C-alpha atoms as a PDB file:
ATOM      1  CA  MET A   1       0.000   0.000   0.000  1.00  0.00           C
ATOM      2  CA  ILE A   2       2.795   2.407   0.959  1.00  0.00           C
ATOM      3  CA  LEU A   3       4.689   1.509  -2.234  1.00  0.00           C
ATOM      4  CA  LYS A   4       1.568   2.255  -4.304  1.00  0.00           C
ATOM      5  CA  ILE A   5       1.180   5.647  -2.642  1.00  0.00           C
ATOM      6  CA  VAL A   6       4.835   6.483  -3.308  1.00  0.00           C
ATOM      7  CA  VAL A   7       4.445   5.481  -6.972  1.00  0.00           C
ATOM      8  CA  ILE A   8       1.365   7.704  -7.335  1.00  0.00           C
ATOM      9  CA  ILE A   9       3.220  10.618  -5.734  1.00  0.00           C
ATOM     10  CA  LEU A  10       6.206  10.196  -8.058  1.00  0.00           C
ATOM     11  CA  ARG A  11       3.972   9.872 -11.117  1.00  0.00           C
ATOM     12  CA  SER A  12       1.993  12.934 -10.065  1.00  0.00           C
ATOM     13  CA  ILE A  13       5.213  14.920  -9.756  1.00  0.00           C
ATOM     14  CA  ALA A  14       6.280  13.719 -13.197  1.00  0.00           C
ATOM     15  CA  ALA A  15       2.859  14.562 -14.698  1.00  0.00           C
ATOM     16  CA  TYR A  16       2.901  18.006 -13.091  1.00  0.00           C
ATOM     17  CA  THR A  17       6.423  18.726 -14.373  1.00  0.00           C
ATOM     18  CA  VAL A  18       5.688  17.583 -17.927  1.00  0.00           C
ATOM     19  CA  LEU A  19       2.394  19.462 -18.169  1.00  0.00           C
ATOM     20  CA  LEU A  20       3.973  22.577 -16.659  1.00  0.00           C
ATOM     21  CA  LEU A  21       6.699  22.526 -19.309  1.00  0.00           C
ATOM     22  CA  LEU A  22       4.131  21.965 -22.053  1.00  0.00           C
ATOM     23  CA  ALA A  23       1.937  24.769 -20.708  1.00  0.00           C
ATOM     24  CA  ARG A  24       4.942  27.113 -20.730  1.00  0.00           C
ATOM     25  CA  LEU A  25       5.592  26.061 -24.315  1.00  0.00           C
ATOM     26  CA  ILE A  26       1.999  26.820 -25.301  1.00  0.00           C
ATOM     27  CA  GLY A  27       2.206  30.237 -23.646  1.00  0.00           C
ATOM     28  CA  ARG A  28       0.111  32.229 -21.221  1.00  0.00           C
ATOM     29  CA  LYS A  29      -3.146  33.955 -21.983  1.00  0.00           C
ATOM     30  CA  ILE A  30      -5.101  36.450 -19.895  1.00  0.00           C
ATOM     31  CA  ILE A  31      -8.117  34.749 -18.292  1.00  0.00           C
ATOM     32  CA  SER A  32     -10.550  37.225 -19.864  1.00  0.00           C
ATOM     33  CA  ARG A  33      -9.201  36.316 -23.342  1.00  0.00           C
ATOM     34  CA  ILE A  34      -9.479  32.539 -23.007  1.00  0.00           C
ATOM     35  CA  THR A  35     -11.571  31.160 -25.860  1.00  0.00           C
ATOM     36  CA  PHE A  36     -13.648  27.981 -25.982  1.00  0.00           C
ATOM     37  CA  PHE A  37     -10.741  26.299 -27.764  1.00  0.00           C
ATOM     38  CA  ASP A  38      -8.367  27.211 -24.905  1.00  0.00           C
ATOM     39  CA  PHE A  39     -10.911  25.923 -22.390  1.00  0.00           C
ATOM     40  CA  VAL A  40     -11.164  22.553 -24.187  1.00  0.00           C
ATOM     41  CA  VAL A  41      -7.369  22.230 -24.337  1.00  0.00           C
ATOM     42  CA  GLY A  42      -7.097  22.975 -20.612  1.00  0.00           C
ATOM     43  CA  ILE A  43      -9.738  20.362 -19.727  1.00  0.00           C
ATOM     44  CA  THR A  44      -8.041  17.777 -21.967  1.00  0.00           C
ATOM     45  CA  LEU A  45      -4.593  18.317 -20.460  1.00  0.00           C
ATOM     46  CA  GLY A  46      -6.111  18.172 -16.971  1.00  0.00           C
ATOM     47  CA  SER A  47      -7.721  14.826 -17.758  1.00  0.00           C
ATOM     48  CA  LEU A  48      -4.419  13.530 -19.100  1.00  0.00           C
ATOM     49  CA  ALA A  49      -2.700  14.598 -15.874  1.00  0.00           C
ATOM     50  CA  VAL A  50      -5.089  12.410 -13.882  1.00  0.00           C
ATOM     51  CA  ARG A  51      -4.554   9.499 -16.271  1.00  0.00           C
ATOM     52  CA  ILE A  52      -0.777   9.837 -16.037  1.00  0.00           C
ATOM     53  CA  SER A  53      -0.896  10.020 -12.232  1.00  0.00           C
ATOM     54  CA  LEU A  54      -3.367   7.215 -11.501  1.00  0.00           C
ATOM     55  CA  GLY A  55      -3.274   4.941 -14.550  1.00  0.00           C
ATOM     56  CA  ASN A  56      -1.228   1.810 -15.112  1.00  0.00           C
ATOM     57  CA  GLU A  57       2.343   1.719 -16.398  1.00  0.00           C
ATOM     58  CA  GLY A  58       1.225   1.730 -20.022  1.00  0.00           C
ATOM     59  CA  SER A  59      -1.065   4.716 -19.504  1.00  0.00           C
ATOM     60  CA  PHE A  60       1.852   6.740 -18.104  1.00  0.00           C
ATOM     61  CA  ILE A  61       3.809   6.569 -21.373  1.00  0.00           C
ATOM     62  CA  MET A  62       0.722   6.916 -23.555  1.00  0.00           C
ATOM     63  CA  GLY A  63      -0.473   9.862 -21.469  1.00  0.00           C
ATOM     64  CA  ILE A  64       2.848  11.655 -21.965  1.00  0.00           C
ATOM     65  CA  VAL A  65       2.718  10.984 -25.716  1.00  0.00           C
ATOM     66  CA  SER A  66      -0.883  12.193 -25.875  1.00  0.00           C
ATOM     67  CA  ALA A  67      -0.042  15.387 -23.956  1.00  0.00           C
ATOM     68  CA  ILE A  68       2.899  16.147 -26.257  1.00  0.00           C
ATOM     69  CA  THR A  69       0.716  15.501 -29.325  1.00  0.00           C
ATOM     70  CA  ILE A  70      -1.998  17.853 -28.084  1.00  0.00           C
ATOM     71  CA  THR A  71       0.617  20.522 -27.321  1.00  0.00           C
ATOM     72  CA  ALA A  72       2.009  20.194 -30.846  1.00  0.00           C
ATOM     73  CA  LEU A  73      -1.505  20.583 -32.268  1.00  0.00           C
ATOM     74  CA  VAL A  74      -2.051  23.679 -30.130  1.00  0.00           C
ATOM     75  CA  LEU A  75       1.181  25.224 -31.412  1.00  0.00           C
ATOM     76  CA  ILE A  76       0.197  24.450 -35.003  1.00  0.00           C
ATOM     77  CA  THR A  77      -3.240  25.943 -34.378  1.00  0.00           C
ATOM     78  CA  ASP A  78      -1.722  29.102 -32.912  1.00  0.00           C
ATOM     79  CA  PHE A  79       0.615  29.419 -35.903  1.00  0.00           C
ATOM     80  CA  LEU A  80      -2.237  29.030 -38.393  1.00  0.00           C
ATOM     81  CA  ASN A  81      -4.306  31.455 -36.330  1.00  0.00           C
ATOM     82  CA  LEU A  82      -1.606  34.107 -36.752  1.00  0.00           C
ATOM     83  CA  LYS A  83      -0.961  33.446 -40.439  1.00  0.00           C
ATOM     84  CA  SER A  84      -4.436  32.721 -41.846  1.00  0.00           C
ATOM     85  CA  ALA A  85      -7.474  34.973 -41.494  1.00  0.00           C
ATOM     86  CA  ILE A  86      -9.710  32.175 -42.802  1.00  0.00           C
ATOM     87  CA  PHE A  87      -8.436  29.703 -40.196  1.00  0.00           C
ATOM     88  CA  ARG A  88      -8.727  32.352 -37.471  1.00  0.00           C
ATOM     89  CA  LYS A  89     -12.354  32.896 -38.420  1.00  0.00           C
ATOM     90  CA  LEU A  90     -13.038  29.147 -38.255  1.00  0.00           C
ATOM     91  CA  GLU A  91     -11.219  28.686 -34.925  1.00  0.00           C
ATOM     92  CA  GLU A  92     -12.342  31.814 -33.050  1.00  0.00           C
ATOM     93  CA  GLY A  93     -15.495  32.806 -34.890  1.00  0.00           C
ATOM     94  CA  MET A  94     -16.477  36.389 -35.615  1.00  0.00           C
ATOM     95  CA  PRO A  95     -17.882  39.154 -33.414  1.00  0.00           C
ATOM     96  CA  SER A  96     -21.647  39.609 -33.754  1.00  0.00           C
ATOM     97  CA  VAL A  97     -23.402  42.952 -33.920  1.00  0.00           C
ATOM     98  CA  LEU A  98     -26.367  42.933 -31.523  1.00  0.00           C
ATOM     99  CA  ILE A  99     -27.343  46.596 -31.855  1.00  0.00           C
ATOM    100  CA  LYS A 100     -26.774  48.553 -35.074  1.00  0.00           C
ATOM    101  CA  GLU A 101     -27.568  52.258 -35.365  1.00  0.00           C
ATOM    102  CA  GLY A 102     -29.852  51.978 -32.334  1.00  0.00           C
ATOM    103  CA  SER A 103     -31.793  48.952 -33.623  1.00  0.00           C
ATOM    104  CA  ILE A 104     -31.610  45.512 -31.992  1.00  0.00           C
ATOM    105  CA  LEU A 105     -30.665  42.793 -34.490  1.00  0.00           C
ATOM    106  CA  ASP A 106     -32.883  39.959 -33.257  1.00  0.00           C
ATOM    107  CA  TYR A 107     -31.461  37.427 -35.737  1.00  0.00           C
ATOM    108  CA  ASN A 108     -27.967  37.913 -34.291  1.00  0.00           C
ATOM    109  CA  MET A 109     -29.435  37.652 -30.802  1.00  0.00           C
ATOM    110  CA  TYR A 110     -30.869  34.241 -31.699  1.00  0.00           C
ATOM    111  CA  LYS A 111     -27.626  33.177 -33.389  1.00  0.00           C
ATOM    112  CA  THR A 112     -25.499  34.038 -30.356  1.00  0.00           C
ATOM    113  CA  LYS A 113     -28.155  32.663 -27.958  1.00  0.00           C
ATOM    114  CA  ILE A 114     -28.263  35.913 -25.964  1.00  0.00           C
ATOM    115  CA  SER A 115     -31.635  36.942 -24.557  1.00  0.00           C
ATOM    116  CA  ILE A 116     -32.763  40.533 -24.200  1.00  0.00           C
ATOM    117  CA  SER A 117     -32.373  40.198 -20.436  1.00  0.00           C
ATOM    118  CA  GLU A 118     -28.745  39.124 -20.840  1.00  0.00           C
ATOM    119  CA  LEU A 119     -28.123  41.990 -23.260  1.00  0.00           C
ATOM    120  CA  LEU A 120     -29.535  44.496 -20.779  1.00  0.00           C
ATOM    121  CA  MET A 121     -27.378  42.987 -18.028  1.00  0.00           C
ATOM    122  CA  LEU A 122     -24.248  43.268 -20.185  1.00  0.00           C
ATOM    123  CA  LEU A 123     -25.126  46.888 -20.973  1.00  0.00           C
ATOM    124  CA  ARG A 124     -25.550  47.679 -17.273  1.00  0.00           C
ATOM    125  CA  GLN A 125     -22.122  46.169 -16.609  1.00  0.00           C
ATOM    126  CA  LYS A 126     -20.807  48.734 -19.085  1.00  0.00           C
ATOM    127  CA  GLY A 127     -22.569  51.520 -17.199  1.00  0.00           C
ATOM    128  CA  VAL A 128     -25.362  51.848 -19.781  1.00  0.00           C
ATOM    129  CA  PHE A 129     -28.827  51.767 -18.215  1.00  0.00           C
ATOM    130  CA  ASN A 130     -30.845  53.040 -21.173  1.00  0.00           C
ATOM    131  CA  ILE A 131     -30.743  50.944 -24.347  1.00  0.00           C
ATOM    132  CA  GLN A 132     -31.913  53.981 -26.325  1.00  0.00           C
ATOM    133  CA  ASP A 133     -28.490  55.553 -25.701  1.00  0.00           C
ATOM    134  CA  VAL A 134     -26.703  52.777 -27.628  1.00  0.00           C
ATOM    135  CA  ASP A 135     -25.625  53.257 -31.231  1.00  0.00           C
ATOM    136  CA  TYR A 136     -23.702  49.974 -31.619  1.00  0.00           C
ATOM    137  CA  ALA A 137     -23.263  46.921 -29.380  1.00  0.00           C
ATOM    138  CA  ILE A 138     -21.005  44.057 -30.437  1.00  0.00           C
ATOM    139  CA  ILE A 139     -20.492  40.741 -28.667  1.00  0.00           C
ATOM    140  CA  GLU A 140     -16.814  39.790 -29.009  1.00  0.00           C
ATOM    141  CA  ASN A 141     -15.327  36.320 -29.405  1.00  0.00           C
ATOM    142  CA  ASP A 142     -14.515  36.154 -25.683  1.00  0.00           C
ATOM    143  CA  GLY A 143     -18.108  36.958 -24.680  1.00  0.00           C
ATOM    144  CA  GLN A 144     -17.397  40.577 -23.749  1.00  0.00           C
ATOM    145  CA  LEU A 145     -19.751  43.298 -24.979  1.00  0.00           C
ATOM    146  CA  SER A 146     -18.318  46.355 -26.725  1.00  0.00           C
ATOM    147  CA  VAL A 147     -20.610  49.388 -26.669  1.00  0.00           C
ATOM    148  CA  LEU A 148     -20.589  52.616 -28.680  1.00  0.00           C
ATOM    149  CA  LEU A 149     -23.012  55.253 -27.441  1.00  0.00           C
ATOM    150  CA  LYS A 150     -24.902  57.613 -29.715  1.00  0.00           C
ATOM    151  CA  PRO A 151     -22.969  60.826 -30.497  1.00  0.00           C
ATOM    152  CA  ASP A 152     -25.155  63.001 -28.263  1.00  0.00           C
ATOM    153  CA  LYS A 153     -24.591  60.609 -25.333  1.00  0.00           C
ATOM    154  CA  LEU A 154     -20.803  60.543 -25.568  1.00  0.00           C
ATOM    155  CA  ALA A 155     -18.838  62.530 -23.022  1.00  0.00           C
ATOM    156  CA  ALA A 156     -17.101  65.595 -24.429  1.00  0.00           C
ATOM    157  CA  THR A 157     -13.344  65.186 -24.844  1.00  0.00           C
ATOM    158  CA  THR A 158     -10.599  67.783 -24.546  1.00  0.00           C
ATOM    159  CA  CYS A 159     -10.329  67.643 -28.353  1.00  0.00           C
ATOM    160  CA  ASP A 160     -14.027  68.537 -28.705  1.00  0.00           C
ATOM    161  CA  LEU A 161     -13.509  71.505 -26.391  1.00  0.00           C
ATOM    162  CA  ASN A 162     -10.200  72.529 -28.024  1.00  0.00           C
ATOM    163  CA  ILE A 163      -8.400  72.172 -24.695  1.00  0.00           C
ATOM    164  CA  SER A 164      -4.742  71.197 -24.682  1.00  0.00           C
ATOM    165  CA  LYS A 165      -3.799  68.466 -22.259  1.00  0.00           C
ATOM    166  CA  ALA A 166      -0.464  67.280 -20.937  1.00  0.00           C
ATOM    167  CA  GLN A 167       0.751  63.913 -22.158  1.00  0.00           C
ATOM    168  CA  ASN A 168      -0.134  61.015 -19.873  1.00  0.00           C
ATOM    169  CA  LYS A 169       2.774  59.483 -17.999  1.00  0.00           C
ATOM    170  CA  LEU A 170       3.071  56.685 -15.513  1.00  0.00           C
ATOM    171  CA  SER A 171       3.571  57.666 -11.894  1.00  0.00           C
ATOM    172  CA  ILE A 172       7.055  57.054 -10.505  1.00  0.00           C
ATOM    173  CA  ASP A 173       7.473  55.087  -7.281  1.00  0.00           C
ATOM    174  CA  ILE A 174       9.724  57.055  -4.934  1.00  0.00           C
ATOM    175  CA  ILE A 175       9.290  55.385  -1.544  1.00  0.00           C
ATOM    176  CA  ILE A 176       8.127  51.848  -0.831  1.00  0.00           C
ATOM    177  CA  ASP A 177       7.913  50.460   2.676  1.00  0.00           C
ATOM    178  CA  GLY A 178       9.953  53.261   4.228  1.00  0.00           C
ATOM    179  CA  LYS A 179      12.841  53.053   1.721  1.00  0.00           C
ATOM    180  CA  ILE A 180      13.734  55.566  -0.986  1.00  0.00           C
ATOM    181  CA  ILE A 181      14.137  54.214  -4.515  1.00  0.00           C
ATOM    182  CA  TYR A 182      17.049  56.441  -5.500  1.00  0.00           C
ATOM    183  CA  SER A 183      17.152  55.385  -9.161  1.00  0.00           C
ATOM    184  CA  ASN A 184      13.512  56.444  -9.602  1.00  0.00           C
ATOM    185  CA  LEU A 185      14.101  59.649  -7.653  1.00  0.00           C
ATOM    186  CA  LYS A 186      16.978  60.531  -9.961  1.00  0.00           C
ATOM    187  CA  SER A 187      14.960  59.746 -13.102  1.00  0.00           C
ATOM    188  CA  SER A 188      12.245  62.131 -11.868  1.00  0.00           C
ATOM    189  CA  ASN A 189      14.843  64.953 -11.881  1.00  0.00           C
ATOM    190  CA  HIS A 190      14.578  65.420  -8.120  1.00  0.00           C
ATOM    191  CA  ASP A 191      16.890  64.754  -5.209  1.00  0.00           C
ATOM    192  CA  GLU A 192      16.507  63.635  -1.609  1.00  0.00           C
ATOM    193  CA  THR A 193      16.540  67.220  -0.327  1.00  0.00           C
ATOM    194  CA  TRP A 194      13.523  68.060  -2.475  1.00  0.00           C
ATOM    195  CA  LEU A 195      11.780  64.884  -1.356  1.00  0.00           C
ATOM    196  CA  ARG A 196      12.269  65.603   2.340  1.00  0.00           C
ATOM    197  CA  GLN A 197      11.035  69.164   1.867  1.00  0.00           C
ATOM    198  CA  GLN A 198       7.909  67.870   0.155  1.00  0.00           C
ATOM    199  CA  LEU A 199       7.278  65.335   2.909  1.00  0.00           C
ATOM    200  CA  ILE A 200       7.275  68.112   5.499  1.00  0.00           C
ATOM    201  CA  PHE A 201       4.150  69.530   3.820  1.00  0.00           C
ATOM    202  CA  PHE A 202       2.489  66.183   4.558  1.00  0.00           C
ATOM    203  CA  GLY A 203       3.587  66.322   8.171  1.00  0.00           C
ATOM    204  CA  VAL A 204       6.171  63.582   7.687  1.00  0.00           C
ATOM    205  CA  ASN A 205       9.613  64.056   9.202  1.00  0.00           C
ATOM    206  CA  GLU A 206      11.024  60.558   8.771  1.00  0.00           C
ATOM    207  CA  ILE A 207      11.287  58.534   5.570  1.00  0.00           C
ATOM    208  CA  LYS A 208      10.710  55.353   7.546  1.00  0.00           C
ATOM    209  CA  ASN A 209       7.183  56.542   8.379  1.00  0.00           C
ATOM    210  CA  VAL A 210       6.179  56.531   4.693  1.00  0.00           C
ATOM    211  CA  PHE A 211       4.481  53.380   3.440  1.00  0.00           C
ATOM    212  CA  TYR A 212       4.304  54.532  -0.188  1.00  0.00           C
ATOM    213  CA  ALA A 213       5.109  57.712  -2.134  1.00  0.00           C
ATOM    214  CA  ALA A 214       5.009  58.421  -5.852  1.00  0.00           C
ATOM    215  CA  ILE A 215       5.354  61.341  -8.237  1.00  0.00           C
ATOM    216  CA  SER A 216       2.414  61.755 -10.625  1.00  0.00           C
ATOM    217  CA  ASN A 217       2.559  62.973 -14.223  1.00  0.00           C
ATOM    218  CA  SER A 218       1.736  66.481 -12.958  1.00  0.00           C
ATOM    219  CA  ASP A 219       4.925  66.362 -10.831  1.00  0.00           C
ATOM    220  CA  SER A 220       2.905  66.305  -7.606  1.00  0.00           C
ATOM    221  CA  LEU A 221       3.760  63.954  -4.775  1.00  0.00           C
ATOM    222  CA  PHE A 222       1.367  61.308  -3.447  1.00  0.00           C
ATOM    223  CA  VAL A 223       2.150  60.121   0.072  1.00  0.00           C
ATOM    224  CA  SER A 224       0.647  57.329   2.166  1.00  0.00           C
ATOM    225  CA  THR A 225       2.035  56.900   5.672  1.00  0.00           C
ATOM    226  CA  TYR A 226       1.818  53.949   8.019  1.00  0.00           C
ATOM    227  CA  HIS A 227      -1.348  53.753  10.112  1.00  0.00           C
ATOM    228  CA  VAL A 228      -0.594  52.117  13.433  1.00  0.00           C
ATOM    229  CA  LYS A 229      -3.361  50.339  15.271  1.00  0.00           C
ATOM    230  CA  ASN A 230      -2.868  48.143  18.323  1.00  0.00           C
ATOM    231  CA  GLY A 231       0.864  48.235  17.765  1.00  0.00           C
ATOM    232  CA  GLU A 232       0.687  46.873  14.206  1.00  0.00           C
ATOM    233  CA  ASN A 233       1.072  48.522  10.799  1.00  0.00           C
ATOM    234  CA  GLN A 234      -2.217  48.658   8.922  1.00  0.00           C
END
């Protein structure tokens, strides 16, 4: 009994290692972009992992071969997906327009098996509570709904108002967990003297009391200090 348990453990480790290597070979994909094809591949490889771990000696080798074969097919599929628009259409499908110029396309609703209640729910998740405000609504291949509001319902942009706006930049981390990141401070064209002077305006006299500090794209400093409660940092 103990020998059998040890064998299962060793085979499970081997199955995990092989499938991990194959998964790395296939590549990662953001959860929200996983297609039905990716889901099927994941389920298949998971089933093979169980077979490799718990099956007989013959199933171990055959399971490894099967997993490698499926991985090769996935790589071929990904290659064809990148190179062929026709294959990509067959493998992923095409987005479906559910609302066009303010009109609901009922035939596409039936084709995608989305009810009016589901459509309204998806619109609410996009912050749209009045279907009359929608010019176009498209269901993407990953099940997400893309919405374009009617022109009179769109928020005015700085371009519409002829207002110039500074270019967006990422904020620069300056202090993390009470320690100055000197390379970032230098790249922001500031020095420690400037930083300490700025911290005084926030009522902070010691760097070690700062949990996080960053310089925004407007060159202003954001500071979050430690909040101590019952003797612990919160």
